[in-house]
């Protein structure tokens, strides 16, 4: 069995965004990767921005709020609150408690803040900057890894254009400084990485192929990995490595002795064949538009254990990733220290 450090060493950035369409297993993959980091002895934080905390549920823990809560050895999670982040920014960072109480808490101003495009996203990114670059100096708290379980793909990808877009308005003052330091953080390939998660199904594959070039353009570099969740490749390769995949599925179906079972599994067989087809389409298309992005198949844990609870699925995926050899195309890089970035930004602002 390979060391659990194998995959995490090849995605070495301190801040890693997991992106993907809703329902593809993004939260499970982000949590599994974070758990691997924690198993490797790294203090790891999973950051969410969701109506309901779904990460803590995977670990059978109570829901977390804006502050980090422990959920496993070396592993914490938090659920970002825009309102709490704005309060922290004005009171703790800018030391403007009176302004916050008199102006920012006004319901009309609050309505404007929530309606203004990009403002909440900027505070979210600012919170991430604080976690990776400032929290150790200010609070004495350091996370070796910050893993971000983003919202659905479109919103997640838009995070990388927020700071440059707001900066185009030519603002000055604290908000301009916030945009500048966030933009510098995201532009640093040794500090920030991304991973896409998809399914071998029509809509997720189409969306992935649509957003892959956009993400590469907006961030200025390709994702560190593309995880294909619920892939059949691991099962097929383990049992019939030399045979055509769809033919293998046919063998599985034909070996059933019960006619009733064969009929009942007919639809399932066709569905599995579709999965193989869309995964192959994804592989071929990715090779054309982003050949440098490694594809990592993750087996459908539910096939071998349909009644598995969410926590059991998480454990199964984590164990699989721990055994996974990083595919060709991965290059180990030395992560840039967040302290170096913070020092550079501080120097620029003097």
Protein backbone atom coordinates (compact mmCIF):
# COMPACT_ATOMS: atom_id res chain seq x y z
CA UNK A 1 0.00 0.00 0.00
CA UNK A 2 1.35 3.40 -0.96
CA UNK A 3 1.91 6.11 1.57
CA UNK A 4 -1.06 8.46 2.02
CA UNK A 5 1.31 11.32 1.27
CA UNK A 6 1.57 10.27 -2.38
CA UNK A 7 -1.32 12.26 -3.83
CA UNK A 8 -1.10 15.15 -1.38
CA UNK A 9 2.57 15.70 -2.19
CA UNK A 10 1.61 16.27 -5.80
CA UNK A 11 -1.00 18.86 -4.89
CA UNK A 12 1.26 20.67 -2.42
CA UNK A 13 -0.37 24.11 -2.27
CA UNK A 14 -1.56 25.35 1.13
CA UNK A 15 -4.83 26.63 -0.36
CA UNK A 16 -6.69 24.21 -2.65
CA UNK A 17 -10.11 24.91 -4.18
CA UNK A 18 -12.32 21.93 -5.06
CA UNK A 19 -14.75 22.86 -7.84
CA UNK A 20 -17.62 20.97 -9.43
CA UNK A 21 -21.29 20.89 -10.33
CA UNK A 22 -23.72 20.25 -7.49
CA UNK A 23 -24.25 16.55 -6.85
CA UNK A 24 -20.97 15.26 -8.30
CA UNK A 25 -19.43 14.44 -4.93
CA UNK A 26 -17.30 17.57 -4.61
CA UNK A 27 -17.75 17.76 -0.83
CA UNK A 28 -16.81 14.10 -0.41
CA UNK A 29 -13.67 14.46 -2.56
CA UNK A 30 -12.63 17.69 -0.83
CA UNK A 31 -13.14 16.06 2.57
CA UNK A 32 -11.28 12.91 1.54
CA UNK A 33 -8.31 14.89 0.25
CA UNK A 34 -8.32 16.96 3.44
CA UNK A 35 -8.43 13.78 5.51
CA UNK A 36 -5.38 12.49 3.62
CA UNK A 37 -3.52 15.68 4.47
CA UNK A 38 -4.51 15.25 8.11
CA UNK A 39 -3.37 11.61 8.06
CA UNK A 40 -0.02 12.90 6.86
CA UNK A 41 0.27 15.00 10.02
CA UNK A 42 -0.75 18.31 8.45
CA UNK A 43 -3.14 20.56 10.38
CA UNK A 44 -5.93 20.88 7.84
CA UNK A 45 -9.01 23.09 7.62
CA UNK A 46 -11.97 22.47 5.31
CA UNK A 47 -13.71 25.75 4.44
CA UNK A 48 -17.32 25.75 3.27
CA UNK A 49 -19.70 28.48 2.18
CA UNK A 50 -23.08 26.80 2.35
CA UNK A 51 -26.56 27.18 3.79
CA UNK A 52 -26.01 23.99 5.77
CA UNK A 53 -22.74 22.42 6.89
CA UNK A 54 -22.44 19.11 5.04
CA UNK A 55 -18.81 18.35 5.92
CA UNK A 56 -19.38 17.84 9.66
CA UNK A 57 -22.18 15.41 8.81
CA UNK A 58 -19.69 13.20 6.94
CA UNK A 59 -17.67 12.94 10.14
CA UNK A 60 -20.76 12.49 12.36
CA UNK A 61 -20.12 15.81 14.09
CA UNK A 62 -22.43 18.76 14.92
CA UNK A 63 -22.69 21.51 12.32
CA UNK A 64 -19.90 24.08 12.40
CA UNK A 65 -20.28 27.84 12.14
CA UNK A 66 -17.99 30.67 11.05
CA UNK A 67 -15.28 29.62 13.51
CA UNK A 68 -13.32 26.42 12.92
CA UNK A 69 -14.38 23.27 14.78
CA UNK A 70 -12.43 19.99 15.13
CA UNK A 71 -13.96 17.00 13.33
CA UNK A 72 -11.08 14.49 13.32
CA UNK A 73 -7.40 14.29 14.34
CA UNK A 74 -5.54 17.19 12.65
CA UNK A 75 -8.76 18.15 10.85
CA UNK A 76 -11.13 21.12 11.31
CA UNK A 77 -13.99 22.66 9.36
CA UNK A 78 -15.81 26.00 9.23
CA UNK A 79 -18.82 27.36 7.35
CA UNK A 80 -18.19 30.90 6.11
CA UNK A 81 -20.70 33.58 7.13
CA UNK A 82 -20.60 36.79 5.04
CA UNK A 83 -22.22 38.82 7.83
CA UNK A 84 -19.69 37.64 10.40
CA UNK A 85 -16.80 38.23 7.99
CA UNK A 86 -17.92 41.82 7.35
CA UNK A 87 -18.21 42.42 11.08
CA UNK A 88 -14.71 41.05 11.65
CA UNK A 89 -13.30 43.18 8.83
CA UNK A 90 -14.64 46.48 10.14
CA UNK A 91 -14.26 45.83 13.87
CA UNK A 92 -11.18 43.62 14.16
CA UNK A 93 -9.20 44.64 11.07
CA UNK A 94 -10.09 48.29 10.47
CA UNK A 95 -10.90 49.03 14.14
CA UNK A 96 -14.08 50.87 13.07
CA UNK A 97 -16.62 49.53 15.54
CA UNK A 98 -18.56 52.80 15.71
CA UNK A 99 -18.83 52.99 11.91
CA UNK A 100 -19.95 49.38 11.79
CA UNK A 101 -22.61 49.86 14.47
CA UNK A 102 -23.97 53.11 13.03
CA UNK A 103 -23.67 52.48 9.30
CA UNK A 104 -22.85 48.93 8.25
CA UNK A 105 -25.49 47.31 10.47
CA UNK A 106 -28.17 49.56 9.01
CA UNK A 107 -30.65 47.28 7.24
CA UNK A 108 -30.56 49.34 4.03
CA UNK A 109 -26.78 49.13 3.90
CA UNK A 110 -26.95 45.41 4.65
CA UNK A 111 -29.39 44.97 1.79
CA UNK A 112 -27.01 46.83 -0.52
CA UNK A 113 -24.03 44.74 0.57
CA UNK A 114 -25.89 41.50 -0.06
CA UNK A 115 -27.11 42.70 -3.45
CA UNK A 116 -23.83 44.18 -4.72
CA UNK A 117 -22.12 41.67 -7.04
CA UNK A 118 -18.79 40.40 -5.85
CA UNK A 119 -18.73 41.97 -2.39
CA UNK A 120 -19.48 38.80 -0.40
CA UNK A 121 -17.11 36.83 -2.63
CA UNK A 122 -14.35 39.35 -1.94
CA UNK A 123 -14.85 38.97 1.81
CA UNK A 124 -14.77 35.19 1.39
CA UNK A 125 -11.43 35.40 -0.42
CA UNK A 126 -10.21 37.88 2.18
CA UNK A 127 -11.05 35.35 4.88
CA UNK A 128 -9.00 32.73 3.04
CA UNK A 129 -6.08 35.16 2.77
CA UNK A 130 -6.30 35.76 6.50
CA UNK A 131 -6.31 32.01 7.18
CA UNK A 132 -3.22 31.22 5.09
CA UNK A 133 -1.19 34.42 5.54
CA UNK A 134 -2.15 36.23 8.74
CA UNK A 135 -3.82 33.96 11.29
CA UNK A 136 -0.56 32.62 12.73
CA UNK A 137 0.83 36.10 13.34
CA UNK A 138 -2.42 37.58 14.68
CA UNK A 139 -4.01 34.64 16.52
CA UNK A 140 -1.18 32.13 16.82
CA UNK A 141 -3.18 29.66 14.73
CA UNK A 142 -1.65 28.03 11.68
CA UNK A 143 -3.19 25.54 9.28
CA UNK A 144 -0.78 23.68 7.03
CA UNK A 145 -3.60 23.17 4.53
CA UNK A 146 -6.81 25.04 3.78
CA UNK A 147 -9.11 23.00 1.53
CA UNK A 148 -12.06 24.93 0.06
CA UNK A 149 -15.28 23.11 -0.79
CA UNK A 150 -16.66 25.75 -3.15
CA UNK A 151 -20.23 26.25 -4.24
CA UNK A 152 -21.41 24.90 -7.62
CA UNK A 153 -18.95 25.24 -10.51
CA UNK A 154 -20.18 28.52 -12.01
CA UNK A 155 -20.06 30.37 -8.71
CA UNK A 156 -16.84 28.65 -7.67
CA UNK A 157 -15.00 29.58 -10.86
CA UNK A 158 -16.23 33.18 -10.62
CA UNK A 159 -14.26 33.59 -7.39
CA UNK A 160 -11.10 33.94 -9.44
CA UNK A 161 -12.33 37.01 -11.34
CA UNK A 162 -13.88 38.92 -8.43
CA UNK A 163 -10.80 40.86 -7.31
CA UNK A 164 -9.66 41.95 -10.80
CA UNK A 165 -13.23 42.95 -11.72
CA UNK A 166 -13.71 45.11 -8.62
CA UNK A 167 -10.22 46.58 -9.05
CA UNK A 168 -11.22 47.87 -12.51
CA UNK A 169 -13.50 50.43 -10.85
CA UNK A 170 -10.39 52.31 -9.71
CA UNK A 171 -11.28 52.37 -6.02
CA UNK A 172 -8.82 53.43 -3.34
CA UNK A 173 -8.55 52.73 0.37
CA UNK A 174 -9.00 49.48 2.32
CA UNK A 175 -11.20 47.77 -0.28
CA UNK A 176 -8.62 48.41 -3.00
CA UNK A 177 -5.91 46.96 -0.76
CA UNK A 178 -8.10 43.91 -0.12
CA UNK A 179 -8.54 43.37 -3.87
CA UNK A 180 -4.81 43.72 -4.44
CA UNK A 181 -3.72 41.21 -1.84
CA UNK A 182 -6.41 38.70 -2.82
CA UNK A 183 -5.40 38.97 -6.49
CA UNK A 184 -1.75 38.38 -5.61
CA UNK A 185 -2.68 35.37 -3.51
CA UNK A 186 -4.71 33.74 -6.29
CA UNK A 187 -2.00 34.45 -8.87
CA UNK A 188 0.60 32.49 -6.90
CA UNK A 189 0.74 28.91 -8.31
CA UNK A 190 2.87 27.67 -5.42
CA UNK A 191 0.35 28.83 -2.84
CA UNK A 192 -3.02 28.25 -4.55
CA UNK A 193 -4.20 25.22 -6.51
CA UNK A 194 -7.51 23.95 -7.89
CA UNK A 195 -9.07 20.54 -8.46
CA UNK A 196 -12.17 19.80 -10.54
CA UNK A 197 -14.65 17.05 -9.64
CA UNK A 198 -17.08 15.54 -12.14
CA UNK A 199 -19.16 12.45 -12.89
CA UNK A 200 -19.12 10.26 -16.03
CA UNK A 201 -22.57 11.54 -17.01
CA UNK A 202 -23.72 13.82 -19.81
CA UNK A 203 -24.43 17.11 -18.00
CA UNK A 204 -21.47 17.00 -15.58
CA UNK A 205 -19.10 16.15 -18.44
CA UNK A 206 -20.47 18.96 -20.61
CA UNK A 207 -20.14 21.47 -17.77
CA UNK A 208 -16.62 20.31 -16.95
CA UNK A 209 -15.49 20.68 -20.56
CA UNK A 210 -17.09 24.14 -20.64
CA UNK A 211 -15.49 25.39 -17.43
CA UNK A 212 -12.05 23.79 -17.80
CA UNK A 213 -10.80 26.34 -20.38
CA UNK A 214 -12.47 29.19 -18.48
CA UNK A 215 -10.82 28.20 -15.21
CA UNK A 216 -7.44 27.90 -16.92
CA UNK A 217 -7.88 31.35 -18.48
CA UNK A 218 -9.16 33.10 -15.35
CA UNK A 219 -6.55 31.62 -13.03
CA UNK A 220 -3.72 31.67 -15.54
CA UNK A 221 -2.95 27.96 -15.10
CA UNK A 222 -4.58 24.55 -15.35
CA UNK A 223 -6.18 22.68 -12.45
CA UNK A 224 -3.88 20.41 -10.49
CA UNK A 225 -6.21 17.46 -11.09
CA UNK A 226 -9.57 16.37 -12.48
CA UNK A 227 -11.28 13.76 -10.29
CA UNK A 228 -13.78 11.49 -12.07
CA UNK A 229 -16.10 10.38 -9.29
CA UNK A 230 -18.14 7.16 -9.54
CA UNK A 231 -15.82 5.92 -12.27
CA UNK A 232 -16.08 2.31 -13.41
CA UNK A 233 -12.47 2.14 -14.59
CA UNK A 234 -11.03 0.96 -11.24
CA UNK A 235 -13.47 -1.99 -11.08
CA UNK A 236 -12.94 -2.96 -14.71
CA UNK A 237 -9.17 -2.64 -14.63
CA UNK A 238 -8.95 -4.76 -11.47
CA UNK A 239 -10.92 -7.64 -12.99
CA UNK A 240 -10.43 -7.59 -16.78
CA UNK A 241 -7.54 -5.30 -17.55
CA UNK A 242 -7.07 -6.53 -21.12
CA UNK A 243 -10.71 -6.43 -22.27
CA UNK A 244 -12.82 -3.69 -23.78
CA UNK A 245 -14.75 -1.96 -20.98
CA UNK A 246 -18.24 -2.20 -22.44
CA UNK A 247 -17.64 -5.85 -23.34
CA UNK A 248 -16.72 -6.50 -19.71
CA UNK A 249 -20.02 -5.01 -18.56
CA UNK A 250 -21.77 -7.34 -20.97
CA UNK A 251 -19.93 -10.32 -19.48
CA UNK A 252 -21.05 -9.36 -15.99
CA UNK A 253 -24.65 -9.20 -17.18
CA UNK A 254 -24.59 -12.44 -19.19
CA UNK A 255 -23.05 -14.46 -16.37
CA UNK A 256 -26.21 -14.05 -14.29
CA UNK A 257 -28.17 -17.31 -14.31
CA UNK A 258 -31.55 -15.87 -13.32
CA UNK A 259 -33.63 -14.51 -16.22
CA UNK A 260 -35.44 -12.23 -13.79
CA UNK A 261 -32.12 -10.84 -12.57
CA UNK A 262 -30.94 -10.30 -16.14
CA UNK A 263 -34.09 -8.35 -16.99
CA UNK A 264 -33.95 -6.36 -13.78
CA UNK A 265 -30.35 -5.38 -14.42
CA UNK A 266 -30.87 -4.47 -18.06
CA UNK A 267 -31.39 -0.79 -17.33
CA UNK A 268 -28.47 -0.77 -14.93
CA UNK A 269 -26.25 -2.33 -17.59
CA UNK A 270 -27.18 0.35 -20.10
CA UNK A 271 -26.58 3.04 -17.49
CA UNK A 272 -23.14 1.65 -16.71
CA UNK A 273 -22.29 1.52 -20.41
CA UNK A 274 -23.29 5.18 -20.69
CA UNK A 275 -20.96 6.00 -17.82
CA UNK A 276 -18.10 4.27 -19.63
CA UNK A 277 -18.96 6.19 -22.80
CA UNK A 278 -19.05 9.60 -21.12
CA UNK A 279 -15.85 8.93 -19.18
CA UNK A 280 -14.08 8.05 -22.42
CA UNK A 281 -15.50 11.18 -24.05
CA UNK A 282 -14.21 13.23 -21.11
CA UNK A 283 -10.76 11.67 -21.39
CA UNK A 284 -10.51 12.31 -25.13
CA UNK A 285 -11.80 15.89 -24.92
CA UNK A 286 -9.59 16.76 -21.96
CA UNK A 287 -6.57 15.45 -23.84
CA UNK A 288 -7.36 17.95 -26.60
CA UNK A 289 -8.12 21.08 -24.56
CA UNK A 290 -6.05 20.52 -21.41
CA UNK A 291 -3.58 17.71 -21.96
CA UNK A 292 -1.57 18.72 -18.90
CA UNK A 293 -4.44 18.05 -16.47
CA UNK A 294 -4.12 14.61 -14.81
CA UNK A 295 -7.37 12.61 -14.59
CA UNK A 296 -7.93 10.62 -11.41
CA UNK A 297 -10.75 8.02 -11.46
CA UNK A 298 -12.50 7.44 -8.14
CA UNK A 299 -14.61 4.26 -7.90
CA UNK A 300 -18.32 4.20 -7.23
CA UNK A 301 -18.26 2.99 -3.62
CA UNK A 302 -22.01 2.43 -3.79
CA UNK A 303 -21.64 -0.36 -6.35
CA UNK A 304 -19.92 -2.61 -3.83
CA UNK A 305 -21.89 -1.32 -0.83
CA UNK A 306 -25.24 0.21 -1.86
CA UNK A 307 -26.34 0.72 1.75
CA UNK A 308 -23.17 2.53 2.82
CA UNK A 309 -23.72 5.60 4.99
CA UNK A 310 -22.15 8.91 3.98
CA UNK A 311 -19.35 8.44 6.51
CA UNK A 312 -18.60 4.98 5.07
CA UNK A 313 -18.46 6.39 1.54
CA UNK A 314 -16.05 9.07 2.76
CA UNK A 315 -13.84 6.43 4.35
CA UNK A 316 -13.92 4.32 1.19
CA UNK A 317 -12.94 7.24 -1.03
CA UNK A 318 -10.17 8.28 1.38
CA UNK A 319 -8.74 4.75 1.38
CA UNK A 320 -8.84 4.70 -2.41
CA UNK A 321 -7.04 8.02 -2.71
CA UNK A 322 -4.44 6.81 -0.21
CA UNK A 323 -3.66 3.89 -2.54
CA UNK A 324 -3.77 5.91 -5.73
CA UNK A 325 -0.59 6.44 -7.69
CA UNK A 326 -0.40 10.01 -8.98
CA UNK A 327 -0.83 9.67 -12.77
CA UNK A 328 1.64 10.81 -15.37
CA UNK A 329 1.51 14.57 -15.68
CA UNK A 330 1.81 15.33 -12.00
CA UNK A 331 4.84 17.35 -11.05
CA UNK A 332 5.86 17.86 -7.47
CA UNK A 333 6.54 21.52 -6.73
CA UNK A 334 7.80 23.26 -3.65
CA UNK A 335 4.92 25.29 -2.21
CA UNK A 336 5.62 28.94 -1.66
CA UNK A 337 5.24 29.98 1.95
CA UNK A 338 2.25 32.16 2.71
CA UNK A 339 4.51 34.19 4.96
CA UNK A 340 6.57 35.20 1.91
CA UNK A 341 3.44 36.39 0.12
CA UNK A 342 2.22 38.32 3.16
CA UNK A 343 5.62 39.99 3.50
CA UNK A 344 5.63 40.93 -0.19
CA UNK A 345 2.15 42.44 0.00
CA UNK A 346 3.05 44.34 3.16
CA UNK A 347 6.13 45.77 1.43
CA UNK A 348 4.08 46.83 -1.61
CA UNK A 349 1.57 48.67 0.58
CA UNK A 350 4.17 50.75 2.42
